[in-house]
Amino acid sequence: MSATTKLPSLDERVAAARDALSPAEERVVSFLVEHREEAVFLSAADIARRLDTSDATVIRAVQTLGYGGLSALKGELQDALRSRATPTLRLGRSLEDLGDDPDAILEHVLATELALIKDARETLRPSDFARAVELLASADRVVVQGVGPNASLAEYFALRLGRLRKSALAVTARGVGLADALLDMRRGDLAVAIVYERGTPEFEHVLDRAKELRLPSIIITDTLGFALAGRSTVALSARRAGSGMFHLSSITMVVIDALLMALAGRDRVRALDAYEDLQRLRARVAGH
């Protein structure tokens, strides 16, 4: 992982500026995100004609994202394309482009995963990761929040923490059902939230409750690290599949597994004892 401080990416800027965009600017930004390879070669006038809007709207949208101008954004896109010239880009950004050829789909997914792992080495800062491990180790209990597709990831994290004899609870409730979990949060807890692209009301409530109780918190995200700066103690950002692509959860699993391994490494005797105890209990339950 690189310790070099990086400027926020296009996706991070979009997540941070979403509420500040007008409807017309939102259309421009959506075009830039969904057609980034093509946008590298287009002028503001070209983009304006495509979207039936004005050059000024295109420039305003780019500036709202925090770029000095369209050339700065295009420079970032060019650098990204050069560094990510993987089979993923050649195969296309959607399953529709791949058709029903199993070999092509397998190559697409494997190439995507390799590109995302390479990205993670750049976006996951060692200092943030080390701080997250420290928070996990010092917590009396870890409350892991995730909803929708992220609910299973929260449950997985909580289960694996339990196998290290770290008290953990997965919070996956939506709506008013979340109130019981919020009531149960207490001093000594660490809040961990898994959230992508756009925050959810449940995510907001968990962070607000953690702040109210003065609890530390970790966010595991893709593009929201910049947008949510200051909302958590630590934000671990790792990009998932790019815009328009089938979203993959493997990078989240990599981050979670790395945290678990690092936590186990802090107390190897305890981790190995817990594993051996688990094996004995499994054998007993199985009747061996």
Protein backbone atom coordinates (compact mmCIF):
# COMPACT_ATOMS: atom_id res chain seq x y z
CA MET A 1 0.00 0.00 0.00
CA SER A 2 1.21 3.47 -0.80
CA ALA A 3 1.56 6.07 1.91
CA THR A 4 1.43 8.89 -0.62
CA THR A 5 -1.44 11.31 -0.09
CA LYS A 6 -3.68 11.31 -3.14
CA LEU A 7 -6.19 13.83 -4.38
CA PRO A 8 -9.81 12.65 -4.28
CA SER A 9 -10.85 10.69 -7.36
CA LEU A 10 -13.72 11.56 -9.68
CA ASP A 11 -15.99 9.08 -7.91
CA GLU A 12 -15.11 10.52 -4.50
CA ARG A 13 -15.73 14.06 -5.72
CA VAL A 14 -19.11 13.07 -7.15
CA ALA A 15 -20.14 11.49 -3.85
CA ALA A 16 -19.11 14.62 -1.94
CA ALA A 17 -20.74 17.13 -4.32
CA ARG A 18 -23.93 15.26 -5.16
CA ASP A 19 -26.25 17.51 -3.14
CA ALA A 20 -24.70 20.66 -4.63
CA LEU A 21 -25.38 19.72 -8.27
CA SER A 22 -28.32 21.16 -10.19
CA PRO A 23 -30.36 18.70 -12.30
CA ALA A 24 -28.55 19.85 -15.45
CA GLU A 25 -25.16 19.50 -13.78
CA GLU A 26 -26.17 16.06 -12.49
CA ARG A 27 -26.72 14.97 -16.10
CA VAL A 28 -23.27 16.21 -17.05
CA VAL A 29 -21.63 14.43 -14.13
CA SER A 30 -23.50 11.20 -14.88
CA PHE A 31 -22.23 11.36 -18.47
CA LEU A 32 -18.63 11.91 -17.31
CA VAL A 33 -18.82 9.00 -14.89
CA GLU A 34 -20.52 6.58 -17.28
CA HIS A 35 -18.46 7.52 -20.36
CA ARG A 36 -15.08 8.37 -18.86
CA GLU A 37 -13.05 6.74 -21.65
CA GLU A 38 -14.96 8.72 -24.27
CA ALA A 39 -14.99 11.95 -22.22
CA VAL A 40 -11.19 12.11 -22.39
CA PHE A 41 -11.49 13.09 -26.08
CA LEU A 42 -14.46 15.47 -25.85
CA SER A 43 -14.53 19.23 -25.39
CA ALA A 44 -17.06 21.08 -23.24
CA ALA A 45 -18.93 21.94 -26.44
CA ASP A 46 -18.98 18.28 -27.51
CA ILE A 47 -20.41 17.19 -24.17
CA ALA A 48 -22.93 20.03 -24.22
CA ARG A 49 -24.19 18.95 -27.66
CA ARG A 50 -24.54 15.34 -26.50
CA LEU A 51 -26.67 16.38 -23.54
CA ASP A 52 -28.52 19.24 -25.21
CA THR A 53 -27.21 21.73 -22.66
CA SER A 54 -24.73 24.62 -22.61
CA ASP A 55 -20.94 24.77 -22.41
CA ALA A 56 -21.33 26.84 -19.25
CA THR A 57 -23.32 24.07 -17.58
CA VAL A 58 -20.58 21.56 -18.36
CA ILE A 59 -17.91 23.85 -16.90
CA ARG A 60 -20.00 24.61 -13.80
CA ALA A 61 -20.52 20.89 -13.21
CA VAL A 62 -16.79 20.23 -13.44
CA GLN A 63 -16.00 23.12 -11.11
CA THR A 64 -18.63 21.98 -8.61
CA LEU A 65 -16.69 18.73 -8.42
CA GLY A 66 -13.67 20.75 -7.35
CA TYR A 67 -11.64 20.71 -10.58
CA GLY A 68 -10.03 23.86 -11.92
CA GLY A 69 -11.48 23.09 -15.33
CA LEU A 70 -12.35 20.34 -17.77
CA SER A 71 -8.70 19.83 -18.71
CA ALA A 72 -7.85 18.93 -15.10
CA LEU A 73 -10.62 16.34 -14.98
CA LYS A 74 -9.58 14.91 -18.34
CA GLY A 75 -5.99 14.69 -17.14
CA GLU A 76 -7.10 12.57 -14.20
CA LEU A 77 -9.16 10.34 -16.46
CA GLN A 78 -6.21 9.88 -18.83
CA ASP A 79 -3.93 8.90 -15.95
CA ALA A 80 -6.52 6.47 -14.65
CA LEU A 81 -7.00 4.86 -18.05
CA ARG A 82 -3.26 4.44 -18.53
CA SER A 83 -2.85 2.82 -15.13
CA ARG A 84 -5.91 0.60 -15.55
CA ALA A 85 -5.36 -0.68 -19.08
CA THR A 86 -6.57 -4.11 -18.07
CA PRO A 87 -8.67 -6.67 -19.95
CA THR A 88 -11.60 -5.27 -17.98
CA LEU A 89 -11.61 -2.10 -20.08
CA ARG A 90 -11.27 -4.07 -23.30
CA LEU A 91 -14.14 -6.37 -22.42
CA GLY A 92 -16.46 -3.51 -21.58
CA ARG A 93 -18.19 -2.16 -18.48
CA SER A 94 -21.31 -4.26 -18.33
CA LEU A 95 -22.41 -7.84 -18.59
CA GLU A 96 -24.54 -6.87 -21.55
CA ASP A 97 -21.36 -6.10 -23.47
CA LEU A 98 -20.00 -9.55 -22.65
CA GLY A 99 -22.94 -11.54 -23.97
CA ASP A 100 -23.36 -15.08 -22.68
CA ASP A 101 -19.86 -16.42 -23.31
CA PRO A 102 -18.77 -18.04 -19.99
CA ASP A 103 -15.07 -17.69 -20.83
CA ALA A 104 -15.45 -13.96 -21.50
CA ILE A 105 -17.45 -13.44 -18.31
CA LEU A 106 -14.88 -15.32 -16.22
CA GLU A 107 -12.03 -13.32 -17.75
CA HIS A 108 -13.96 -10.10 -17.15
CA VAL A 109 -14.53 -10.84 -13.45
CA LEU A 110 -10.97 -12.03 -12.81
CA ALA A 111 -9.49 -9.02 -14.59
CA THR A 112 -11.79 -6.68 -12.67
CA GLU A 113 -10.77 -8.22 -9.34
CA LEU A 114 -7.08 -7.86 -10.18
CA ALA A 115 -7.57 -4.20 -11.10
CA LEU A 116 -9.48 -3.51 -7.89
CA ILE A 117 -6.83 -5.18 -5.75
CA LYS A 118 -4.20 -3.05 -7.46
CA ASP A 119 -6.28 0.05 -6.73
CA ALA A 120 -6.71 -0.97 -3.09
CA ARG A 121 -2.95 -0.92 -2.62
CA GLU A 122 -3.09 2.78 -3.49
CA THR A 123 -6.32 3.89 -1.80
CA LEU A 124 -6.01 2.04 1.52
CA ARG A 125 -3.59 4.06 3.62
CA PRO A 126 -1.43 2.01 6.01
CA SER A 127 -1.90 4.55 8.81
CA ASP A 128 -5.71 4.30 8.53
CA PHE A 129 -5.58 0.51 8.45
CA ALA A 130 -3.32 0.38 11.50
CA ARG A 131 -5.64 2.77 13.37
CA ALA A 132 -8.64 0.59 12.50
CA VAL A 133 -6.89 -2.50 13.88
CA GLU A 134 -6.06 -0.61 17.07
CA LEU A 135 -9.72 0.38 17.49
CA LEU A 136 -10.86 -3.21 16.96
CA ALA A 137 -8.36 -4.51 19.50
CA SER A 138 -9.31 -2.00 22.20
CA ALA A 139 -13.10 -2.27 21.79
CA ASP A 140 -15.16 -4.20 24.33
CA ARG A 141 -17.66 -4.98 21.57
CA VAL A 142 -17.83 -4.32 17.83
CA VAL A 143 -21.18 -3.28 16.36
CA VAL A 144 -21.10 -3.90 12.60
CA GLN A 145 -23.81 -2.16 10.57
CA GLY A 146 -24.84 -2.97 7.01
CA VAL A 147 -28.13 -3.14 5.13
CA GLY A 148 -29.25 -4.69 1.86
CA PRO A 149 -26.37 -6.51 0.12
CA ASN A 150 -24.02 -5.30 2.86
CA ALA A 151 -26.02 -7.06 5.58
CA SER A 152 -24.39 -10.41 4.82
CA LEU A 153 -20.96 -8.74 4.96
CA ALA A 154 -21.77 -7.28 8.38
CA GLU A 155 -22.88 -10.71 9.59
CA TYR A 156 -19.72 -12.31 8.24
CA PHE A 157 -17.50 -9.76 9.97
CA ALA A 158 -19.33 -10.17 13.28
CA LEU A 159 -19.17 -13.97 13.05
CA ARG A 160 -15.42 -14.00 12.34
CA LEU A 161 -14.77 -11.53 15.15
CA GLY A 162 -16.63 -13.86 17.50
CA ARG A 163 -14.32 -16.67 16.45
CA LEU A 164 -11.44 -14.53 17.72
CA ARG A 165 -13.31 -14.18 21.01
CA LYS A 166 -14.06 -10.55 20.25
CA SER A 167 -17.63 -9.72 21.23
CA ALA A 168 -19.46 -8.54 18.10
CA LEU A 169 -22.97 -7.81 16.89
CA ALA A 170 -24.27 -7.45 13.33
CA VAL A 171 -26.89 -4.72 12.94
CA THR A 172 -28.87 -5.20 9.73
CA ALA A 173 -32.32 -3.87 10.65
CA ARG A 174 -34.06 -1.23 8.58
CA GLY A 175 -36.53 1.44 9.62
CA VAL A 176 -37.88 1.53 13.18
CA GLY A 177 -36.44 -1.92 13.81
CA LEU A 178 -33.06 -0.23 14.06
CA ALA A 179 -34.08 1.59 17.26
CA ASP A 180 -33.53 -1.51 19.42
CA ALA A 181 -29.94 -1.85 18.20
CA LEU A 182 -29.32 1.86 18.76
CA LEU A 183 -30.67 1.53 22.31
CA ASP A 184 -28.26 -1.36 22.97
CA MET A 185 -25.16 0.59 21.91
CA ARG A 186 -23.08 1.46 24.95
CA ARG A 187 -19.75 2.69 26.25
CA GLY A 188 -16.91 0.44 25.11
CA ASP A 189 -18.50 -0.28 21.73
CA LEU A 190 -16.85 0.35 18.38
CA ALA A 191 -19.23 1.12 15.52
CA VAL A 192 -18.25 -0.26 12.10
CA ALA A 193 -20.40 0.71 9.10
CA ILE A 194 -20.21 -0.82 5.62
CA VAL A 195 -21.65 1.69 3.15
CA TYR A 196 -21.21 2.39 -0.57
CA GLU A 197 -21.97 5.14 -3.11
CA ARG A 198 -24.71 6.79 -1.06
CA GLY A 199 -25.32 6.75 2.64
CA THR A 200 -28.49 5.15 4.02
CA PRO A 201 -30.72 6.48 6.82
CA GLU A 202 -29.67 3.48 8.92
CA PHE A 203 -26.00 4.28 8.40
CA GLU A 204 -26.62 7.90 9.42
CA HIS A 205 -28.46 6.84 12.58
CA VAL A 206 -25.67 4.48 13.65
CA LEU A 207 -23.01 7.17 13.15
CA ASP A 208 -25.15 9.73 14.97
CA ARG A 209 -25.69 7.34 17.87
CA ALA A 210 -21.96 6.61 18.04
CA LYS A 211 -21.23 10.34 18.14
CA GLU A 212 -23.90 10.87 20.81
CA LEU A 213 -22.29 8.19 23.00
CA ARG A 214 -18.75 9.36 22.09
CA LEU A 215 -17.88 6.00 20.56
CA PRO A 216 -15.14 5.51 17.95
CA SER A 217 -16.25 4.44 14.50
CA ILE A 218 -14.90 2.90 11.30
CA ILE A 219 -16.41 3.29 7.83
CA ILE A 220 -15.64 0.71 5.13
CA THR A 221 -16.57 2.32 1.81
CA ASP A 222 -15.62 2.85 -1.81
CA THR A 223 -16.17 6.47 -2.86
CA LEU A 224 -17.59 8.01 0.31
CA GLY A 225 -14.35 8.46 2.24
CA PHE A 226 -13.89 12.00 0.93
CA ALA A 227 -17.58 12.90 1.26
CA LEU A 228 -17.74 11.62 4.84
CA ALA A 229 -14.47 13.14 6.03
CA GLY A 230 -14.72 13.87 9.73
CA ARG A 231 -17.81 11.71 10.28
CA SER A 232 -15.86 8.72 11.59
CA THR A 233 -12.64 7.98 13.45
CA VAL A 234 -11.29 6.07 10.46
CA ALA A 235 -12.51 5.60 6.87
CA LEU A 236 -11.14 2.67 4.86
CA SER A 237 -11.73 3.35 1.17
CA ALA A 238 -11.37 0.65 -1.47
CA ARG A 239 -12.95 0.99 -4.91
CA ARG A 240 -15.44 -1.61 -6.05
CA ALA A 241 -16.18 -2.28 -9.74
CA GLY A 242 -16.39 0.92 -11.77
CA SER A 243 -19.46 2.80 -12.88
CA GLY A 244 -21.80 0.76 -15.01
CA MET A 245 -20.21 -2.51 -13.96
CA PHE A 246 -21.67 -5.35 -11.96
CA HIS A 247 -20.69 -4.51 -8.41
CA LEU A 248 -18.43 -7.08 -6.77
CA SER A 249 -17.99 -7.56 -3.02
CA SER A 250 -14.60 -9.23 -2.99
CA ILE A 251 -12.62 -6.07 -2.12
CA THR A 252 -14.80 -5.53 0.93
CA MET A 253 -14.09 -9.12 1.93
CA VAL A 254 -10.37 -8.52 1.43
CA VAL A 255 -10.49 -5.48 3.74
CA ILE A 256 -12.47 -7.40 6.35
CA ASP A 257 -10.20 -10.44 6.19
CA ALA A 258 -7.10 -8.23 6.43
CA LEU A 259 -8.54 -6.58 9.56
CA LEU A 260 -9.30 -9.98 11.07
CA MET A 261 -5.83 -11.33 10.33
CA ALA A 262 -4.17 -8.23 11.74
CA LEU A 263 -6.32 -8.47 14.86
CA ALA A 264 -5.40 -12.14 15.30
CA GLY A 265 -1.75 -11.23 14.85
CA ARG A 266 -1.87 -8.91 17.85
CA ASP A 267 -2.63 -11.86 20.16
CA ARG A 268 -1.64 -15.06 18.40
CA VAL A 269 -1.96 -17.26 21.47
CA ARG A 270 -5.54 -16.18 22.05
CA ALA A 271 -6.43 -16.53 18.37
CA LEU A 272 -4.98 -20.03 18.10
CA ASP A 273 -6.61 -21.09 21.37
CA ALA A 274 -9.98 -19.84 20.10
CA TYR A 275 -9.52 -21.76 16.84
CA GLU A 276 -8.63 -24.99 18.64
CA ASP A 277 -11.59 -24.57 20.97
CA LEU A 278 -13.86 -24.04 17.96
CA GLN A 279 -12.57 -27.25 16.37
CA ARG A 280 -13.23 -29.21 19.60
CA LEU A 281 -16.75 -27.81 19.82
CA ARG A 282 -17.45 -28.65 16.19
CA ALA A 283 -16.31 -32.22 16.78
CA ARG A 284 -18.51 -32.46 19.87
CA VAL A 285 -21.55 -31.10 18.07
CA ALA A 286 -20.93 -33.47 15.16
CA GLY A 287 -20.83 -36.39 17.61
CA HIS A 288 -17.20 -37.36 16.98
